[in-house]
N, C-alpha and C. Protein backbone atom coordinates (compact mmCIF):
# COMPACT_ATOMS: atom_id res chain seq x y z
N UNK A 1 -65.05 54.88 -59.97
CA UNK A 1 -65.32 56.31 -60.07
C UNK A 1 -64.45 56.92 -61.16
N UNK A 2 -65.08 57.67 -62.06
CA UNK A 2 -64.34 58.31 -63.14
C UNK A 2 -63.70 59.59 -62.61
N UNK A 3 -62.40 59.70 -62.79
CA UNK A 3 -61.77 60.91 -62.32
C UNK A 3 -60.45 61.18 -63.01
N UNK A 4 -60.08 62.48 -62.98
CA UNK A 4 -58.78 62.95 -63.43
C UNK A 4 -58.13 63.64 -62.24
N UNK A 5 -56.87 63.37 -62.04
CA UNK A 5 -56.15 63.98 -60.93
C UNK A 5 -54.87 64.60 -61.46
N UNK A 6 -54.78 65.93 -61.34
CA UNK A 6 -53.56 66.62 -61.74
C UNK A 6 -52.58 66.66 -60.58
N UNK A 7 -51.30 66.69 -60.92
CA UNK A 7 -50.26 66.81 -59.91
C UNK A 7 -49.03 67.44 -60.55
N UNK A 8 -48.09 67.82 -59.71
CA UNK A 8 -46.83 68.36 -60.20
C UNK A 8 -46.70 69.86 -60.07
N UNK A 9 -47.76 70.52 -59.63
CA UNK A 9 -47.68 71.97 -59.46
C UNK A 9 -46.90 72.33 -58.21
N UNK A 10 -46.69 73.63 -58.05
CA UNK A 10 -45.96 74.11 -56.89
C UNK A 10 -45.35 75.45 -57.18
N UNK A 11 -44.36 75.79 -56.39
CA UNK A 11 -43.65 77.07 -56.54
C UNK A 11 -42.44 76.86 -57.43
N UNK A 12 -42.34 77.69 -58.47
CA UNK A 12 -41.25 77.58 -59.44
C UNK A 12 -40.62 78.96 -59.61
N UNK A 13 -39.34 78.99 -59.72
CA UNK A 13 -38.66 80.27 -59.96
C UNK A 13 -38.81 80.69 -61.42
N UNK A 14 -38.83 81.98 -61.63
CA UNK A 14 -38.89 82.51 -62.99
C UNK A 14 -37.76 81.93 -63.83
N UNK A 15 -38.11 81.48 -65.02
CA UNK A 15 -37.15 80.84 -65.89
C UNK A 15 -37.08 79.34 -65.73
N UNK A 16 -37.77 78.83 -64.73
CA UNK A 16 -37.75 77.40 -64.45
C UNK A 16 -38.73 76.61 -65.29
N UNK A 17 -38.78 75.32 -65.01
CA UNK A 17 -39.64 74.40 -65.75
C UNK A 17 -40.49 73.59 -64.79
N UNK A 18 -41.56 73.06 -65.31
CA UNK A 18 -42.41 72.18 -64.51
C UNK A 18 -43.07 71.18 -65.44
N UNK A 19 -43.30 70.01 -64.90
CA UNK A 19 -44.02 68.96 -65.63
C UNK A 19 -45.23 68.57 -64.83
N UNK A 20 -46.38 68.83 -65.39
CA UNK A 20 -47.64 68.48 -64.74
C UNK A 20 -48.12 67.13 -65.26
N UNK A 21 -48.75 66.38 -64.39
CA UNK A 21 -49.32 65.09 -64.76
C UNK A 21 -50.83 65.11 -64.58
N UNK A 22 -51.49 64.31 -65.37
CA UNK A 22 -52.94 64.16 -65.30
C UNK A 22 -53.24 62.67 -65.34
N UNK A 23 -53.56 62.11 -64.21
CA UNK A 23 -53.80 60.67 -64.10
C UNK A 23 -55.29 60.38 -64.15
N UNK A 24 -55.65 59.46 -65.02
CA UNK A 24 -57.06 59.11 -65.21
C UNK A 24 -57.38 57.75 -64.60
N UNK A 25 -58.59 57.61 -64.14
CA UNK A 25 -59.05 56.32 -63.65
C UNK A 25 -60.55 56.22 -63.84
N UNK A 26 -61.02 54.98 -63.99
CA UNK A 26 -62.45 54.75 -64.06
C UNK A 26 -63.08 54.92 -65.43
N UNK A 27 -62.28 55.22 -66.45
CA UNK A 27 -62.83 55.33 -67.80
C UNK A 27 -61.74 54.99 -68.81
N UNK A 28 -62.13 54.83 -70.05
CA UNK A 28 -61.22 54.37 -71.11
C UNK A 28 -60.38 55.55 -71.61
N UNK A 29 -59.33 55.83 -70.90
CA UNK A 29 -58.48 56.99 -71.15
C UNK A 29 -58.03 57.09 -72.60
N UNK A 30 -57.67 55.99 -73.20
CA UNK A 30 -57.10 56.01 -74.55
C UNK A 30 -58.09 56.47 -75.61
N UNK A 31 -59.37 56.48 -75.30
CA UNK A 31 -60.38 56.92 -76.25
C UNK A 31 -60.64 58.42 -76.19
N UNK A 32 -60.07 59.07 -75.19
CA UNK A 32 -60.37 60.47 -74.93
C UNK A 32 -59.24 61.39 -75.41
N UNK A 33 -59.62 62.49 -76.05
CA UNK A 33 -58.67 63.57 -76.28
C UNK A 33 -58.45 64.29 -74.96
N UNK A 34 -57.22 64.73 -74.74
CA UNK A 34 -56.87 65.40 -73.49
C UNK A 34 -56.47 66.84 -73.79
N UNK A 35 -57.05 67.74 -73.06
CA UNK A 35 -56.69 69.16 -73.18
C UNK A 35 -56.21 69.68 -71.83
N UNK A 36 -55.35 70.65 -71.91
CA UNK A 36 -54.90 71.36 -70.72
C UNK A 36 -55.41 72.79 -70.79
N UNK A 37 -55.90 73.27 -69.65
CA UNK A 37 -56.39 74.64 -69.49
C UNK A 37 -55.69 75.26 -68.29
N UNK A 38 -55.79 76.56 -68.23
CA UNK A 38 -55.32 77.22 -67.02
C UNK A 38 -56.24 78.39 -66.69
N UNK A 39 -56.29 78.72 -65.42
CA UNK A 39 -57.11 79.83 -64.97
C UNK A 39 -56.30 80.67 -64.00
N UNK A 40 -56.08 81.91 -64.36
CA UNK A 40 -55.31 82.81 -63.51
C UNK A 40 -56.19 83.55 -62.51
N UNK A 41 -57.46 83.69 -62.82
CA UNK A 41 -58.35 84.49 -61.96
C UNK A 41 -59.42 83.67 -61.28
N UNK A 42 -59.41 82.38 -61.47
CA UNK A 42 -60.41 81.52 -60.84
C UNK A 42 -61.71 81.44 -61.58
N UNK A 43 -61.80 82.14 -62.69
CA UNK A 43 -63.03 82.12 -63.48
C UNK A 43 -62.77 81.62 -64.90
N UNK A 44 -62.26 82.50 -65.73
CA UNK A 44 -62.04 82.14 -67.13
C UNK A 44 -60.92 81.12 -67.25
N UNK A 45 -61.15 80.10 -68.06
CA UNK A 45 -60.13 79.09 -68.33
C UNK A 45 -59.61 79.26 -69.74
N UNK A 46 -58.29 79.36 -69.85
CA UNK A 46 -57.63 79.50 -71.14
C UNK A 46 -57.20 78.13 -71.64
N UNK A 47 -57.57 77.81 -72.85
CA UNK A 47 -57.14 76.55 -73.45
C UNK A 47 -55.67 76.65 -73.83
N UNK A 48 -54.89 75.73 -73.30
CA UNK A 48 -53.47 75.69 -73.62
C UNK A 48 -53.22 74.85 -74.86
N UNK A 49 -53.76 73.66 -74.87
CA UNK A 49 -53.56 72.79 -76.01
C UNK A 49 -54.23 71.45 -75.81
N UNK A 50 -54.19 70.65 -76.87
CA UNK A 50 -54.89 69.38 -76.90
C UNK A 50 -54.00 68.31 -77.52
N UNK A 51 -54.11 67.11 -76.99
CA UNK A 51 -53.48 65.96 -77.60
C UNK A 51 -54.59 64.95 -77.93
N UNK A 52 -54.57 64.47 -79.15
CA UNK A 52 -55.61 63.54 -79.57
C UNK A 52 -55.29 62.13 -79.10
N UNK A 53 -56.20 61.21 -79.37
CA UNK A 53 -55.97 59.82 -78.97
C UNK A 53 -54.76 59.23 -79.67
N UNK A 54 -54.45 59.76 -80.85
CA UNK A 54 -53.30 59.26 -81.60
C UNK A 54 -52.06 60.12 -81.38
N UNK A 55 -52.12 60.97 -80.35
CA UNK A 55 -50.97 61.77 -79.91
C UNK A 55 -50.61 62.91 -80.85
N UNK A 56 -51.54 63.31 -81.69
CA UNK A 56 -51.34 64.56 -82.44
C UNK A 56 -51.61 65.72 -81.48
N UNK A 57 -50.69 66.65 -81.44
CA UNK A 57 -50.83 67.73 -80.47
C UNK A 57 -50.99 69.08 -81.15
N UNK A 58 -51.74 69.94 -80.50
CA UNK A 58 -51.90 71.30 -80.95
C UNK A 58 -51.82 72.23 -79.75
N UNK A 59 -50.98 73.22 -79.83
CA UNK A 59 -50.89 74.22 -78.78
C UNK A 59 -51.64 75.46 -79.25
N UNK A 60 -52.63 75.88 -78.49
CA UNK A 60 -53.47 76.99 -78.88
C UNK A 60 -53.05 78.30 -78.22
N UNK A 61 -52.46 78.19 -77.08
CA UNK A 61 -52.13 79.41 -76.34
C UNK A 61 -50.91 80.08 -76.94
N UNK A 62 -51.08 81.29 -77.43
CA UNK A 62 -49.94 82.01 -78.01
C UNK A 62 -48.86 82.25 -76.97
N UNK A 63 -49.30 82.45 -75.74
CA UNK A 63 -48.32 82.76 -74.70
C UNK A 63 -47.47 81.55 -74.33
N UNK A 64 -47.93 80.35 -74.65
CA UNK A 64 -47.17 79.15 -74.29
C UNK A 64 -46.59 78.43 -75.49
N UNK A 65 -46.86 78.91 -76.69
CA UNK A 65 -46.26 78.27 -77.87
C UNK A 65 -44.75 78.35 -77.79
N UNK A 66 -44.12 77.23 -78.08
CA UNK A 66 -42.67 77.17 -78.01
C UNK A 66 -42.14 76.92 -76.61
N UNK A 67 -43.02 76.97 -75.62
CA UNK A 67 -42.59 76.74 -74.23
C UNK A 67 -43.32 75.58 -73.58
N UNK A 68 -44.19 74.93 -74.32
CA UNK A 68 -44.96 73.86 -73.71
C UNK A 68 -45.05 72.66 -74.64
N UNK A 69 -45.15 71.51 -74.01
CA UNK A 69 -45.30 70.24 -74.73
C UNK A 69 -46.33 69.40 -74.02
N UNK A 70 -47.26 68.88 -74.79
CA UNK A 70 -48.27 67.97 -74.23
C UNK A 70 -47.97 66.56 -74.74
N UNK A 71 -48.03 65.60 -73.86
CA UNK A 71 -47.80 64.21 -74.23
C UNK A 71 -48.74 63.33 -73.44
N UNK A 72 -48.76 62.06 -73.80
CA UNK A 72 -49.61 61.11 -73.09
C UNK A 72 -49.00 59.73 -73.13
N UNK A 73 -49.34 58.94 -72.13
CA UNK A 73 -48.92 57.55 -72.04
C UNK A 73 -50.19 56.75 -71.77
N UNK A 74 -50.75 56.19 -72.81
CA UNK A 74 -52.02 55.47 -72.65
C UNK A 74 -51.86 54.22 -71.77
N UNK A 75 -50.68 53.64 -71.77
CA UNK A 75 -50.46 52.45 -70.92
C UNK A 75 -50.54 52.82 -69.44
N UNK A 76 -50.18 54.06 -69.13
CA UNK A 76 -50.21 54.54 -67.75
C UNK A 76 -51.44 55.40 -67.46
N UNK A 77 -52.31 55.55 -68.44
CA UNK A 77 -53.51 56.39 -68.28
C UNK A 77 -53.17 57.78 -67.77
N UNK A 78 -52.12 58.34 -68.33
CA UNK A 78 -51.62 59.62 -67.84
C UNK A 78 -51.25 60.54 -69.00
N UNK A 79 -51.55 61.81 -68.82
CA UNK A 79 -51.13 62.83 -69.77
C UNK A 79 -50.23 63.82 -69.04
N UNK A 80 -49.44 64.55 -69.82
CA UNK A 80 -48.46 65.45 -69.23
C UNK A 80 -48.48 66.81 -69.93
N UNK A 81 -48.11 67.81 -69.17
CA UNK A 81 -47.88 69.14 -69.72
C UNK A 81 -46.52 69.59 -69.21
N UNK A 82 -45.59 69.72 -70.13
CA UNK A 82 -44.25 70.20 -69.78
C UNK A 82 -44.17 71.67 -70.19
N UNK A 83 -43.75 72.51 -69.26
CA UNK A 83 -43.62 73.93 -69.55
C UNK A 83 -42.22 74.39 -69.16
N UNK A 84 -41.64 75.23 -69.98
CA UNK A 84 -40.31 75.74 -69.73
C UNK A 84 -40.32 77.27 -69.74
N UNK A 85 -39.20 77.85 -69.32
CA UNK A 85 -39.05 79.31 -69.29
C UNK A 85 -40.25 79.98 -68.66
N UNK A 86 -40.66 79.48 -67.52
CA UNK A 86 -41.85 80.00 -66.86
C UNK A 86 -41.64 81.42 -66.36
N UNK A 87 -42.71 82.20 -66.46
CA UNK A 87 -42.70 83.59 -66.03
C UNK A 87 -43.81 83.80 -65.00
N UNK A 88 -43.73 84.87 -64.22
CA UNK A 88 -44.78 85.11 -63.22
C UNK A 88 -46.18 85.13 -63.80
N UNK A 89 -46.32 85.56 -65.05
CA UNK A 89 -47.65 85.59 -65.66
C UNK A 89 -48.18 84.20 -65.99
N UNK A 90 -47.37 83.19 -65.83
CA UNK A 90 -47.83 81.81 -66.00
C UNK A 90 -48.45 81.26 -64.72
N UNK A 91 -48.42 82.04 -63.66
CA UNK A 91 -49.04 81.63 -62.41
C UNK A 91 -50.54 81.42 -62.62
N UNK A 92 -51.01 80.24 -62.29
CA UNK A 92 -52.41 79.88 -62.54
C UNK A 92 -52.69 78.51 -61.94
N UNK A 93 -53.96 78.17 -61.92
CA UNK A 93 -54.36 76.79 -61.66
C UNK A 93 -54.46 76.10 -63.02
N UNK A 94 -53.82 74.96 -63.13
CA UNK A 94 -53.79 74.22 -64.39
C UNK A 94 -54.70 73.00 -64.27
N UNK A 95 -55.55 72.84 -65.30
CA UNK A 95 -56.53 71.77 -65.30
C UNK A 95 -56.34 70.88 -66.52
N UNK A 96 -56.65 69.61 -66.36
CA UNK A 96 -56.74 68.75 -67.54
C UNK A 96 -58.20 68.37 -67.75
N UNK A 97 -58.48 68.12 -69.00
CA UNK A 97 -59.85 67.81 -69.44
C UNK A 97 -59.77 66.63 -70.39
N UNK A 98 -60.67 65.68 -70.21
CA UNK A 98 -60.76 64.54 -71.11
C UNK A 98 -62.11 64.59 -71.82
N UNK A 99 -62.09 64.42 -73.14
CA UNK A 99 -63.34 64.54 -73.88
C UNK A 99 -63.40 63.48 -74.98
N UNK A 100 -64.57 62.82 -75.06
CA UNK A 100 -64.84 61.85 -76.13
C UNK A 100 -66.32 61.90 -76.41
N UNK A 101 -66.68 62.37 -77.58
CA UNK A 101 -68.09 62.54 -77.95
C UNK A 101 -68.73 63.46 -76.89
N UNK A 102 -69.76 62.99 -76.22
CA UNK A 102 -70.43 63.83 -75.23
C UNK A 102 -69.91 63.59 -73.81
N UNK A 103 -68.98 62.66 -73.68
CA UNK A 103 -68.42 62.37 -72.35
C UNK A 103 -67.27 63.33 -72.07
N UNK A 104 -67.23 63.85 -70.87
CA UNK A 104 -66.21 64.82 -70.50
C UNK A 104 -65.88 64.71 -69.02
N UNK A 105 -64.61 64.84 -68.71
CA UNK A 105 -64.16 64.81 -67.32
C UNK A 105 -63.19 65.95 -67.09
N UNK A 106 -63.23 66.52 -65.90
CA UNK A 106 -62.30 67.56 -65.49
C UNK A 106 -61.57 67.13 -64.23
N UNK A 107 -60.34 67.54 -64.13
CA UNK A 107 -59.62 67.36 -62.88
C UNK A 107 -59.88 68.54 -61.96
N UNK A 108 -59.34 68.45 -60.76
CA UNK A 108 -59.57 69.49 -59.76
C UNK A 108 -58.58 70.65 -59.89
N UNK A 109 -57.55 70.45 -60.69
CA UNK A 109 -56.56 71.49 -60.92
C UNK A 109 -55.36 71.38 -60.01
N UNK A 110 -54.25 71.92 -60.48
CA UNK A 110 -53.03 71.99 -59.68
C UNK A 110 -52.45 73.40 -59.83
N UNK A 111 -52.08 73.99 -58.71
CA UNK A 111 -51.59 75.37 -58.72
C UNK A 111 -50.12 75.41 -59.10
N UNK A 112 -49.81 76.30 -60.04
CA UNK A 112 -48.43 76.60 -60.38
C UNK A 112 -48.21 78.08 -60.08
N UNK A 113 -47.25 78.36 -59.23
CA UNK A 113 -46.91 79.73 -58.87
C UNK A 113 -45.47 80.00 -59.28
N UNK A 114 -45.28 81.02 -60.09
CA UNK A 114 -43.96 81.35 -60.58
C UNK A 114 -43.48 82.62 -59.87
N UNK A 115 -42.40 82.50 -59.16
CA UNK A 115 -41.87 83.65 -58.42
C UNK A 115 -40.87 84.41 -59.28
N UNK A 116 -40.87 85.72 -59.11
CA UNK A 116 -39.96 86.56 -59.90
C UNK A 116 -38.61 86.71 -59.22
């Protein structure tokens, strides 16, 4: 079964850090670009950034530039999103997405709640 599973979310104090993981199974992870998204309202998903198969990364979210790092370990079929200096407005469900040509997979999301 092809799937992505996010983990590492939870309750974080303002100013704290969190490292989210995205574990893939059932497909050729190393061929897929990985993106991280977040949704604060349960509807619209904001693109945070993308890491390519060759580990070139781009952070698109202005609110997270300078505070986030995306990485991947193809040997472990896992991608990561490290975020620092978290603020209450970073509270959201965080999702990972894998995309290669027309193939695409989404995880179920992991909740990050930042307390003030």
